[in-house]
Amino acid sequence: MRFVARAGQLVPDPRKILPGRGAWVHPECLETAIGRRAFDRALRGRFVAPTTQPPHGGQTPESGLEADGHPMSTQR
C-alpha cells in the first residue's frame, strides 16, 4: 500500500495517483512501520500516523487502558 504526505499527515493512496513523495508498506507491516517511524524517515519529515485498529481489541496491554485512555470506556 502507498502512503503520501499531505499537510503534515499520512494519507493512504490506494489508487496510486496522488502527487508527491510516497512511501510503500505491506499492509501487514503497517503497525511496525508506524512504531519504528519508518514513514518519517522515508518521507523526510514528521507526520501524523494514519489511524489504524488498535491491537488486542482496543486495550493496550502495557497500560491496561482502553484505546481512548480511560480504564472503563465503552467507546470504540
Protein backbone atom coordinates (compact mmCIF):
# COMPACT_ATOMS: atom_id res chain seq x y z
CA MET A 1 0.00 0.00 0.00
CA ARG A 2 1.22 3.51 -0.81
CA PHE A 3 1.03 6.49 1.56
CA VAL A 4 1.79 10.13 0.73
CA ALA A 5 2.41 13.18 2.89
CA ARG A 6 -0.38 15.76 2.68
CA ALA A 7 -0.42 18.78 5.03
CA GLY A 8 1.59 17.01 7.74
CA GLN A 9 -0.48 13.83 7.69
CA LEU A 10 -0.07 10.46 6.04
CA VAL A 11 -2.79 9.72 3.56
CA PRO A 12 -3.38 6.27 2.03
CA ASP A 13 -3.18 6.29 -1.77
CA PRO A 14 -4.90 3.06 -2.87
CA ARG A 15 -5.22 4.23 -6.48
CA LYS A 16 -1.51 5.23 -6.58
CA ILE A 17 -2.24 8.60 -8.21
CA LEU A 18 -1.66 11.27 -5.56
CA PRO A 19 1.25 13.62 -6.31
CA GLY A 20 4.32 13.89 -4.14
CA ARG A 21 6.74 11.63 -2.39
CA GLY A 22 5.22 8.31 -1.44
CA ALA A 23 6.17 5.50 0.89
CA TRP A 24 5.24 1.88 0.28
CA VAL A 25 4.47 -0.57 3.05
CA HIS A 26 2.99 -4.05 3.14
CA PRO A 27 -0.46 -3.90 4.83
CA GLU A 28 0.57 -6.47 7.45
CA CYS A 29 3.64 -4.38 8.34
CA LEU A 30 1.81 -1.06 8.87
CA GLU A 31 1.88 -1.18 12.69
CA THR A 32 5.60 -1.99 12.70
CA ALA A 33 6.36 0.83 10.26
CA ILE A 34 4.45 3.33 12.41
CA GLY A 35 6.20 2.17 15.58
CA ARG A 36 9.64 2.45 14.01
CA ARG A 37 8.89 5.88 12.49
CA ALA A 38 9.67 4.49 9.05
CA PHE A 39 7.33 7.00 7.40
CA ASP A 40 9.19 9.92 8.97
CA ARG A 41 12.45 8.67 7.51
CA ALA A 42 11.05 7.68 4.11
CA LEU A 43 9.15 10.92 3.61
CA ARG A 44 11.79 13.14 5.22
CA GLY A 45 9.65 14.84 7.85
CA ARG A 46 7.38 14.40 10.84
CA PHE A 47 3.91 13.09 10.13
CA VAL A 48 0.78 12.10 11.98
CA ALA A 49 0.30 8.37 11.51
CA PRO A 50 -2.84 7.10 9.81
CA THR A 51 -5.47 5.80 12.18
CA THR A 52 -5.46 2.05 12.46
CA GLN A 53 -7.30 -0.51 14.54
CA PRO A 54 -5.51 -0.92 17.88
CA PRO A 55 -4.34 -4.47 18.56
CA HIS A 56 -5.75 -6.60 21.39
CA GLY A 57 -9.35 -5.44 20.99
CA GLY A 58 -8.66 -1.79 21.73
CA GLN A 59 -6.87 -2.36 25.01
CA THR A 60 -3.20 -1.60 25.31
CA PRO A 61 -1.50 -4.49 27.15
CA GLU A 62 1.16 -2.37 28.85
CA SER A 63 -1.21 0.19 30.37
CA GLY A 64 -4.45 -1.69 30.96
CA LEU A 65 -6.34 1.27 29.47
CA GLU A 66 -8.74 1.33 26.57
CA ALA A 67 -7.55 2.93 23.33
CA ASP A 68 -9.06 6.30 24.29
CA GLY A 69 -7.14 6.33 27.62
CA HIS A 70 -9.97 5.54 30.02
CA PRO A 71 -9.87 2.30 32.04
CA MET A 72 -13.59 1.53 31.71
CA SER A 73 -14.53 3.25 28.46
CA THR A 74 -17.36 1.92 26.32
CA GLN A 75 -16.28 3.87 23.25
CA ARG A 76 -14.54 2.03 20.45
